[in-house]
Amino acid sequence: MEVARKLIIVYYNNKYCLKKIASFGNLIYHSNKLRYAYIYVDEKKTRTVMESLRQIHGVTNVEISLAEMSDFTFKL
Protein backbone atom coordinates (compact mmCIF):
# COMPACT_ATOMS: atom_id res chain seq x y z
CA MET A 1 0.00 0.00 0.00
CA GLU A 2 1.47 3.33 -1.06
CA VAL A 3 0.95 6.49 0.96
CA ALA A 4 1.25 9.82 -0.85
CA ARG A 5 2.73 12.56 1.32
CA LYS A 6 2.81 16.35 1.14
CA LEU A 7 5.33 18.68 2.72
CA ILE A 8 3.82 21.59 4.65
CA ILE A 9 5.86 24.59 5.77
CA VAL A 10 4.65 26.19 9.01
CA TYR A 11 5.86 29.60 10.15
CA TYR A 12 5.49 30.38 13.85
CA ASN A 13 6.18 33.11 16.43
CA ASN A 14 7.30 31.07 19.45
CA LYS A 15 8.85 27.64 19.82
CA TYR A 16 6.24 26.51 22.34
CA CYS A 17 3.75 25.66 19.60
CA LEU A 18 6.09 23.05 18.07
CA LYS A 19 4.55 20.26 20.15
CA LYS A 20 1.13 21.05 18.73
CA ILE A 21 2.52 21.29 15.21
CA ALA A 22 4.22 17.91 15.56
CA SER A 23 0.95 16.26 16.56
CA PHE A 24 -0.48 16.78 13.04
CA GLY A 25 2.22 14.94 11.08
CA ASN A 26 5.87 13.95 10.94
CA LEU A 27 7.95 16.92 12.02
CA ILE A 28 11.23 16.52 10.16
CA TYR A 29 12.92 19.90 10.64
CA HIS A 30 12.48 23.15 12.52
CA SER A 31 14.54 26.31 12.75
CA ASN A 32 14.28 28.33 15.94
CA LYS A 33 16.25 31.20 14.45
CA LEU A 34 14.12 31.63 11.31
CA ARG A 35 10.96 30.25 12.98
CA TYR A 36 9.68 27.69 10.53
CA ALA A 37 9.03 23.94 10.55
CA TYR A 38 8.62 21.19 7.94
CA ILE A 39 6.02 18.50 8.47
CA TYR A 40 4.86 15.65 6.24
CA VAL A 41 1.17 14.73 6.17
CA ASP A 42 -0.95 12.35 4.11
CA GLU A 43 -2.10 13.88 0.86
CA LYS A 44 -5.78 13.19 1.63
CA LYS A 45 -5.58 15.11 4.92
CA THR A 46 -3.59 18.09 3.66
CA ARG A 47 -6.39 20.68 3.53
CA THR A 48 -7.89 19.78 6.91
CA VAL A 49 -4.47 19.74 8.58
CA MET A 50 -3.62 23.14 7.09
CA GLU A 51 -6.84 24.60 8.48
CA SER A 52 -6.14 23.09 11.90
CA LEU A 53 -2.57 24.41 11.90
CA ARG A 54 -3.81 27.94 11.15
CA GLN A 55 -5.94 27.78 14.31
CA ILE A 56 -2.94 27.17 16.61
CA HIS A 57 -1.97 30.21 18.67
CA GLY A 58 1.50 31.30 17.55
CA VAL A 59 1.33 30.05 13.94
CA THR A 60 1.61 32.92 11.47
CA ASN A 61 1.55 31.23 8.05
CA VAL A 62 1.00 27.76 6.59
CA GLU A 63 1.83 26.78 3.01
CA ILE A 64 2.41 23.70 0.87
CA SER A 65 5.92 23.15 -0.40
CA LEU A 66 6.47 23.72 -4.11
CA ALA A 67 8.62 20.60 -4.43
CA GLU A 68 6.64 17.83 -6.09
CA MET A 69 6.45 14.68 -3.98
CA SER A 70 5.48 12.22 -6.72
CA ASP A 71 8.85 10.46 -6.45
CA PHE A 72 8.52 10.12 -2.69
CA THR A 73 5.79 7.55 -2.08
CA PHE A 74 6.16 5.24 0.87
CA LYS A 75 5.01 1.66 1.24
CA LEU A 76 3.46 0.33 4.40
PDB file of N, CA and C in Angstrom:
ATOM      1  N   MET A   1       0.840  -1.175   0.000  1.00  0.00           N
ATOM      2  CA  MET A   1       0.000   0.000   0.000  1.00  0.00           C
ATOM      3  C   MET A   1       0.885   1.238   0.000  1.00  0.00           C
ATOM      4  N   GLU A   2       0.675   2.114  -0.965  1.00  0.00           N
ATOM      5  CA  GLU A   2       1.466   3.330  -1.057  1.00  0.00           C
ATOM      6  C   GLU A   2       0.731   4.483  -0.384  1.00  0.00           C
ATOM      7  N   VAL A   3       1.500   5.331   0.276  1.00  0.00           N
ATOM      8  CA  VAL A   3       0.950   6.494   0.960  1.00  0.00           C
ATOM      9  C   VAL A   3       1.574   7.735   0.339  1.00  0.00           C
ATOM     10  N   ALA A   4       0.751   8.573  -0.274  1.00  0.00           N
ATOM     11  CA  ALA A   4       1.249   9.823  -0.855  1.00  0.00           C
ATOM     12  C   ALA A   4       1.367  10.851   0.261  1.00  0.00           C
ATOM     13  N   ARG A   5       2.469  11.593   0.253  1.00  0.00           N
ATOM     14  CA  ARG A   5       2.735  12.558   1.316  1.00  0.00           C
ATOM     15  C   ARG A   5       2.907  13.946   0.717  1.00  0.00           C
ATOM     16  N   LYS A   6       2.602  14.948   1.504  1.00  0.00           N
ATOM     17  CA  LYS A   6       2.809  16.349   1.141  1.00  0.00           C
ATOM     18  C   LYS A   6       3.637  17.025   2.216  1.00  0.00           C
ATOM     19  N   LEU A   7       4.513  17.910   1.799  1.00  0.00           N
ATOM     20  CA  LEU A   7       5.333  18.683   2.722  1.00  0.00           C
ATOM     21  C   LEU A   7       4.653  20.017   2.977  1.00  0.00           C
ATOM     22  N   ILE A   8       4.438  20.326   4.253  1.00  0.00           N
ATOM     23  CA  ILE A   8       3.824  21.586   4.647  1.00  0.00           C
ATOM     24  C   ILE A   8       4.851  22.394   5.425  1.00  0.00           C
ATOM     25  N   ILE A   9       4.954  23.669   5.079  1.00  0.00           N
ATOM     26  CA  ILE A   9       5.859  24.586   5.772  1.00  0.00           C
ATOM     27  C   ILE A   9       5.022  25.443   6.707  1.00  0.00           C
ATOM     28  N   VAL A  10       5.394  25.454   7.984  1.00  0.00           N
ATOM     29  CA  VAL A  10       4.646  26.191   9.006  1.00  0.00           C
ATOM     30  C   VAL A  10       5.559  27.257   9.607  1.00  0.00           C
ATOM     31  N   TYR A  11       5.129  28.504   9.542  1.00  0.00           N
ATOM     32  CA  TYR A  11       5.865  29.604  10.152  1.00  0.00           C
ATOM     33  C   TYR A  11       5.214  29.932  11.495  1.00  0.00           C
ATOM     34  N   TYR A  12       6.027  30.163  12.516  1.00  0.00           N
ATOM     35  CA  TYR A  12       5.485  30.378  13.855  1.00  0.00           C
ATOM     36  C   TYR A  12       6.212  31.510  14.561  1.00  0.00           C
ATOM     37  N   ASN A  13       5.592  32.012  15.653  1.00  0.00           N
ATOM     38  CA  ASN A  13       6.176  33.105  16.433  1.00  0.00           C
ATOM     39  C   ASN A  13       7.019  32.611  17.601  1.00  0.00           C
ATOM     40  N   ASN A  14       6.551  31.574  18.293  1.00  0.00           N
ATOM     41  CA  ASN A  14       7.296  31.074  19.448  1.00  0.00           C
ATOM     42  C   ASN A  14       7.470  29.567  19.340  1.00  0.00           C
ATOM     43  N   LYS A  15       8.510  29.063  19.947  1.00  0.00           N
ATOM     44  CA  LYS A  15       8.847  27.645  19.816  1.00  0.00           C
ATOM     45  C   LYS A  15       7.948  26.745  20.652  1.00  0.00           C
ATOM     46  N   TYR A  16       7.099  27.312  21.469  1.00  0.00           N
ATOM     47  CA  TYR A  16       6.241  26.511  22.341  1.00  0.00           C
ATOM     48  C   TYR A  16       5.094  25.843  21.584  1.00  0.00           C
ATOM     49  N   CYS A  17       4.817  26.288  20.384  1.00  0.00           N
ATOM     50  CA  CYS A  17       3.749  25.665  19.597  1.00  0.00           C
ATOM     51  C   CYS A  17       4.263  24.491  18.766  1.00  0.00           C
ATOM     52  N   LEU A  18       5.540  24.161  18.846  1.00  0.00           N
ATOM     53  CA  LEU A  18       6.094  23.052  18.066  1.00  0.00           C
ATOM     54  C   LEU A  18       5.500  21.706  18.454  1.00  0.00           C
ATOM     55  N   LYS A  19       5.173  21.511  19.720  1.00  0.00           N
ATOM     56  CA  LYS A  19       4.550  20.256  20.150  1.00  0.00           C
ATOM     57  C   LYS A  19       3.198  20.060  19.481  1.00  0.00           C
ATOM     58  N   LYS A  20       2.425  21.128  19.386  1.00  0.00           N
ATOM     59  CA  LYS A  20       1.125  21.047  18.733  1.00  0.00           C
ATOM     60  C   LYS A  20       1.284  20.823  17.230  1.00  0.00           C
ATOM     61  N   ILE A  21       2.267  21.472  16.632  1.00  0.00           N
ATOM     62  CA  ILE A  21       2.519  21.292  15.207  1.00  0.00           C
ATOM     63  C   ILE A  21       2.919  19.850  14.915  1.00  0.00           C
ATOM     64  N   ALA A  22       3.750  19.277  15.763  1.00  0.00           N
ATOM     65  CA  ALA A  22       4.224  17.909  15.558  1.00  0.00           C
ATOM     66  C   ALA A  22       3.116  16.878  15.700  1.00  0.00           C
ATOM     67  N   SER A  23       2.038  17.218  16.371  1.00  0.00           N
ATOM     68  CA  SER A  23       0.950  16.258  16.555  1.00  0.00           C
ATOM     69  C   SER A  23       0.133  16.044  15.283  1.00  0.00           C
ATOM     70  N   PHE A  24       0.285  16.901  14.274  1.00  0.00           N
ATOM     71  CA  PHE A  24      -0.483  16.780  13.038  1.00  0.00           C
ATOM     72  C   PHE A  24       0.205  15.965  11.963  1.00  0.00           C
ATOM     73  N   GLY A  25       1.493  15.699  12.094  1.00  0.00           N
ATOM     74  CA  GLY A  25       2.219  14.936  11.080  1.00  0.00           C
ATOM     75  C   GLY A  25       3.623  14.622  11.558  1.00  0.00           C
ATOM     76  N   ASN A  26       4.476  14.255  10.614  1.00  0.00           N
ATOM     77  CA  ASN A  26       5.867  13.946  10.937  1.00  0.00           C
ATOM     78  C   ASN A  26       6.706  15.216  10.841  1.00  0.00           C
ATOM     79  N   LEU A  27       7.105  15.739  11.976  1.00  0.00           N
ATOM     80  CA  LEU A  27       7.951  16.923  12.024  1.00  0.00           C
ATOM     81  C   LEU A  27       9.368  16.490  11.690  1.00  0.00           C
ATOM     82  N   ILE A  28       9.904  16.971  10.567  1.00  0.00           N
ATOM     83  CA  ILE A  28      11.231  16.521  10.157  1.00  0.00           C
ATOM     84  C   ILE A  28      12.303  17.576  10.391  1.00  0.00           C
ATOM     85  N   TYR A  29      11.923  18.849  10.435  1.00  0.00           N
ATOM     86  CA  TYR A  29      12.917  19.896  10.640  1.00  0.00           C
ATOM     87  C   TYR A  29      12.232  21.128  11.195  1.00  0.00           C
ATOM     88  N   HIS A  30      12.947  21.844  12.068  1.00  0.00           N
ATOM     89  CA  HIS A  30      12.479  23.153  12.516  1.00  0.00           C
ATOM     90  C   HIS A  30      13.677  24.037  12.782  1.00  0.00           C
ATOM     91  N   SER A  31      13.499  25.324  12.537  1.00  0.00           N
ATOM     92  CA  SER A  31      14.544  26.309  12.755  1.00  0.00           C
ATOM     93  C   SER A  31      14.035  27.316  13.776  1.00  0.00           C
ATOM     94  N   ASN A  32      14.690  27.369  14.924  1.00  0.00           N
ATOM     95  CA  ASN A  32      14.276  28.330  15.941  1.00  0.00           C
ATOM     96  C   ASN A  32      14.681  29.746  15.562  1.00  0.00           C
ATOM     97  N   LYS A  33      15.779  29.878  14.835  1.00  0.00           N
ATOM     98  CA  LYS A  33      16.249  31.204  14.455  1.00  0.00           C
ATOM     99  C   LYS A  33      15.331  31.847  13.409  1.00  0.00           C
ATOM    100  N   LEU A  34      14.966  31.086  12.376  1.00  0.00           N
ATOM    101  CA  LEU A  34      14.123  31.626  11.313  1.00  0.00           C
ATOM    102  C   LEU A  34      12.642  31.339  11.530  1.00  0.00           C
ATOM    103  N   ARG A  35      12.325  30.534  12.535  1.00  0.00           N
ATOM    104  CA  ARG A  35      10.958  30.253  12.984  1.00  0.00           C
ATOM    105  C   ARG A  35      10.079  29.619  11.908  1.00  0.00           C
ATOM    106  N   TYR A  36      10.515  28.464  11.423  1.00  0.00           N
ATOM    107  CA  TYR A  36       9.680  27.686  10.529  1.00  0.00           C
ATOM    108  C   TYR A  36       9.904  26.210  10.799  1.00  0.00           C
ATOM    109  N   ALA A  37       8.957  25.388  10.351  1.00  0.00           N
ATOM    110  CA  ALA A  37       9.034  23.941  10.550  1.00  0.00           C
ATOM    111  C   ALA A  37       8.527  23.238   9.303  1.00  0.00           C
ATOM    112  N   TYR A  38       9.074  22.046   9.035  1.00  0.00           N
ATOM    113  CA  TYR A  38       8.619  21.194   7.938  1.00  0.00           C
ATOM    114  C   TYR A  38       7.906  19.993   8.530  1.00  0.00           C
ATOM    115  N   ILE A  39       6.706  19.719   8.055  1.00  0.00           N
ATOM    116  CA  ILE A  39       6.020  18.497   8.473  1.00  0.00           C
ATOM    117  C   ILE A  39       5.471  17.793   7.233  1.00  0.00           C
ATOM    118  N   TYR A  40       5.480  16.474   7.282  1.00  0.00           N
ATOM    119  CA  TYR A  40       4.862  15.652   6.240  1.00  0.00           C
ATOM    120  C   TYR A  40       3.512  15.165   6.732  1.00  0.00           C
ATOM    121  N   VAL A  41       2.510  15.237   5.857  1.00  0.00           N
ATOM    122  CA  VAL A  41       1.174  14.730   6.167  1.00  0.00           C
ATOM    123  C   VAL A  41       0.681  13.925   4.972  1.00  0.00           C
ATOM    124  N   ASP A  42      -0.339  13.102   5.203  1.00  0.00           N
ATOM    125  CA  ASP A  42      -0.953  12.355   4.112  1.00  0.00           C
ATOM    126  C   ASP A  42      -1.622  13.321   3.149  1.00  0.00           C
ATOM    127  N   GLU A  43      -1.565  12.981   1.884  1.00  0.00           N
ATOM    128  CA  GLU A  43      -2.103  13.877   0.857  1.00  0.00           C
ATOM    129  C   GLU A  43      -3.607  14.091   1.009  1.00  0.00           C
ATOM    130  N   LYS A  44      -4.325  13.077   1.461  1.00  0.00           N
ATOM    131  CA  LYS A  44      -5.778  13.191   1.625  1.00  0.00           C
ATOM    132  C   LYS A  44      -6.154  14.142   2.754  1.00  0.00           C
ATOM    133  N   LYS A  45      -5.289  14.278   3.750  1.00  0.00           N
ATOM    134  CA  LYS A  45      -5.584  15.106   4.924  1.00  0.00           C
ATOM    135  C   LYS A  45      -4.961  16.495   4.859  1.00  0.00           C
ATOM    136  N   THR A  46      -4.367  16.854   3.741  1.00  0.00           N
ATOM    137  CA  THR A  46      -3.591  18.089   3.656  1.00  0.00           C
ATOM    138  C   THR A  46      -4.425  19.332   3.971  1.00  0.00           C
ATOM    139  N   ARG A  47      -5.571  19.472   3.340  1.00  0.00           N
ATOM    140  CA  ARG A  47      -6.390  20.685   3.530  1.00  0.00           C
ATOM    141  C   ARG A  47      -6.909  20.801   4.965  1.00  0.00           C
ATOM    142  N   THR A  48      -7.359  19.703   5.540  1.00  0.00           N
ATOM    143  CA  THR A  48      -7.888  19.776   6.906  1.00  0.00           C
ATOM    144  C   THR A  48      -6.779  20.053   7.914  1.00  0.00           C
ATOM    145  N   VAL A  49      -5.601  19.490   7.685  1.00  0.00           N
ATOM    146  CA  VAL A  49      -4.472  19.741   8.583  1.00  0.00           C
ATOM    147  C   VAL A  49      -4.026  21.192   8.481  1.00  0.00           C
ATOM    148  N   MET A  50      -4.016  21.736   7.265  1.00  0.00           N
ATOM    149  CA  MET A  50      -3.616  23.135   7.095  1.00  0.00           C
ATOM    150  C   MET A  50      -4.576  24.064   7.826  1.00  0.00           C
ATOM    151  N   GLU A  51      -5.861  23.783   7.760  1.00  0.00           N
ATOM    152  CA  GLU A  51      -6.840  24.602   8.475  1.00  0.00           C
ATOM    153  C   GLU A  51      -6.659  24.480   9.986  1.00  0.00           C
ATOM    154  N   SER A  52      -6.354  23.283  10.461  1.00  0.00           N
ATOM    155  CA  SER A  52      -6.136  23.088  11.895  1.00  0.00           C
ATOM    156  C   SER A  52      -4.862  23.779  12.367  1.00  0.00           C
ATOM    157  N   LEU A  53      -3.827  23.758  11.537  1.00  0.00           N
ATOM    158  CA  LEU A  53      -2.569  24.413  11.900  1.00  0.00           C
ATOM    159  C   LEU A  53      -2.737  25.927  11.983  1.00  0.00           C
ATOM    160  N   ARG A  54      -3.563  26.483  11.119  1.00  0.00           N
ATOM    161  CA  ARG A  54      -3.807  27.935  11.153  1.00  0.00           C
ATOM    162  C   ARG A  54      -4.499  28.375  12.440  1.00  0.00           C
ATOM    163  N   GLN A  55      -5.214  27.463  13.085  1.00  0.00           N
ATOM    164  CA  GLN A  55      -5.941  27.784  14.311  1.00  0.00           C
ATOM    165  C   GLN A  55      -5.051  27.785  15.554  1.00  0.00           C
ATOM    166  N   ILE A  56      -3.837  27.244  15.454  1.00  0.00           N
ATOM    167  CA  ILE A  56      -2.940  27.171  16.606  1.00  0.00           C
ATOM    168  C   ILE A  56      -2.422  28.570  16.934  1.00  0.00           C
ATOM    169  N   HIS A  57      -2.482  28.914  18.208  1.00  0.00           N
ATOM    170  CA  HIS A  57      -1.974  30.207  18.670  1.00  0.00           C
ATOM    171  C   HIS A  57      -0.451  30.234  18.509  1.00  0.00           C
ATOM    172  N   GLY A  58       0.066  31.179  17.783  1.00  0.00           N
ATOM    173  CA  GLY A  58       1.504  31.298  17.546  1.00  0.00           C
ATOM    174  C   GLY A  58       1.912  30.975  16.124  1.00  0.00           C
ATOM    175  N   VAL A  59       1.043  30.353  15.346  1.00  0.00           N
ATOM    176  CA  VAL A  59       1.333  30.045  13.940  1.00  0.00           C
ATOM    177  C   VAL A  59       0.941  31.254  13.101  1.00  0.00           C
ATOM    178  N   THR A  60       1.875  31.736  12.283  1.00  0.00           N
ATOM    179  CA  THR A  60       1.614  32.922  11.475  1.00  0.00           C
ATOM    180  C   THR A  60       1.236  32.605  10.041  1.00  0.00           C
ATOM    181  N   ASN A  61       1.830  31.546   9.446  1.00  0.00           N
ATOM    182  CA  ASN A  61       1.548  31.226   8.048  1.00  0.00           C
ATOM    183  C   ASN A  61       1.731  29.731   7.833  1.00  0.00           C
ATOM    184  N   VAL A  62       0.917  29.173   6.946  1.00  0.00           N
ATOM    185  CA  VAL A  62       0.997  27.756   6.590  1.00  0.00           C
ATOM    186  C   VAL A  62       0.920  27.662   5.080  1.00  0.00           C
ATOM    187  N   GLU A  63       1.858  26.930   4.460  1.00  0.00           N
ATOM    188  CA  GLU A  63       1.827  26.778   3.009  1.00  0.00           C
ATOM    189  C   GLU A  63       2.349  25.406   2.607  1.00  0.00           C
ATOM    190  N   ILE A  64       1.941  24.970   1.428  1.00  0.00           N
ATOM    191  CA  ILE A  64       2.414  23.700   0.874  1.00  0.00           C
ATOM    192  C   ILE A  64       3.719  23.957   0.143  1.00  0.00           C
ATOM    193  N   SER A  65       4.647  23.028   0.274  1.00  0.00           N
ATOM    194  CA  SER A  65       5.921  23.152  -0.404  1.00  0.00           C
ATOM    195  C   SER A  65       5.732  23.042  -1.909  1.00  0.00           C
ATOM    196  N   LEU A  66       6.553  23.750  -2.661  1.00  0.00           N
ATOM    197  CA  LEU A  66       6.472  23.720  -4.113  1.00  0.00           C
ATOM    198  C   LEU A  66       7.156  22.506  -4.722  1.00  0.00           C
ATOM    199  N   ALA A  67       7.947  21.800  -3.934  1.00  0.00           N
ATOM    200  CA  ALA A  67       8.625  20.600  -4.429  1.00  0.00           C
ATOM    201  C   ALA A  67       7.589  19.494  -4.635  1.00  0.00           C
ATOM    202  N   GLU A  68       7.594  18.895  -5.798  1.00  0.00           N
ATOM    203  CA  GLU A  68       6.636  17.827  -6.092  1.00  0.00           C
ATOM    204  C   GLU A  68       7.078  16.546  -5.414  1.00  0.00           C
ATOM    205  N   MET A  69       6.137  15.873  -4.753  1.00  0.00           N
ATOM    206  CA  MET A  69       6.451  14.681  -3.976  1.00  0.00           C
ATOM    207  C   MET A  69       6.071  13.388  -4.700  1.00  0.00           C
ATOM    208  N   SER A  70       5.902  13.420  -6.011  1.00  0.00           N
ATOM    209  CA  SER A  70       5.477  12.218  -6.721  1.00  0.00           C
ATOM    210  C   SER A  70       6.526  11.112  -6.656  1.00  0.00           C
ATOM    211  N   ASP A  71       7.789  11.466  -6.545  1.00  0.00           N
ATOM    212  CA  ASP A  71       8.847  10.463  -6.453  1.00  0.00           C
ATOM    213  C   ASP A  71       8.989   9.898  -5.051  1.00  0.00           C
ATOM    214  N   PHE A  72       8.372  10.522  -4.069  1.00  0.00           N
ATOM    215  CA  PHE A  72       8.524  10.120  -2.688  1.00  0.00           C
ATOM    216  C   PHE A  72       7.241   9.474  -2.144  1.00  0.00           C
ATOM    217  N   THR A  73       6.910   8.293  -2.626  1.00  0.00           N
ATOM    218  CA  THR A  73       5.785   7.551  -2.081  1.00  0.00           C
ATOM    219  C   THR A  73       6.331   6.453  -1.210  1.00  0.00           C
ATOM    220  N   PHE A  74       5.670   6.181  -0.117  1.00  0.00           N
ATOM    221  CA  PHE A  74       6.160   5.241   0.868  1.00  0.00           C
ATOM    222  C   PHE A  74       5.230   4.038   0.947  1.00  0.00           C
ATOM    223  N   LYS A  75       5.795   2.886   1.139  1.00  0.00           N
ATOM    224  CA  LYS A  75       5.013   1.661   1.242  1.00  0.00           C
ATOM    225  C   LYS A  75       4.894   1.257   2.689  1.00  0.00           C
ATOM    226  N   LEU A  76       3.704   0.806   3.051  1.00  0.00           N
ATOM    227  CA  LEU A  76       3.456   0.326   4.401  1.00  0.00           C
ATOM    228  C   LEU A  76       3.402  -1.176   4.429  1.00  0.00           C
TER     229      LEU A  76
END
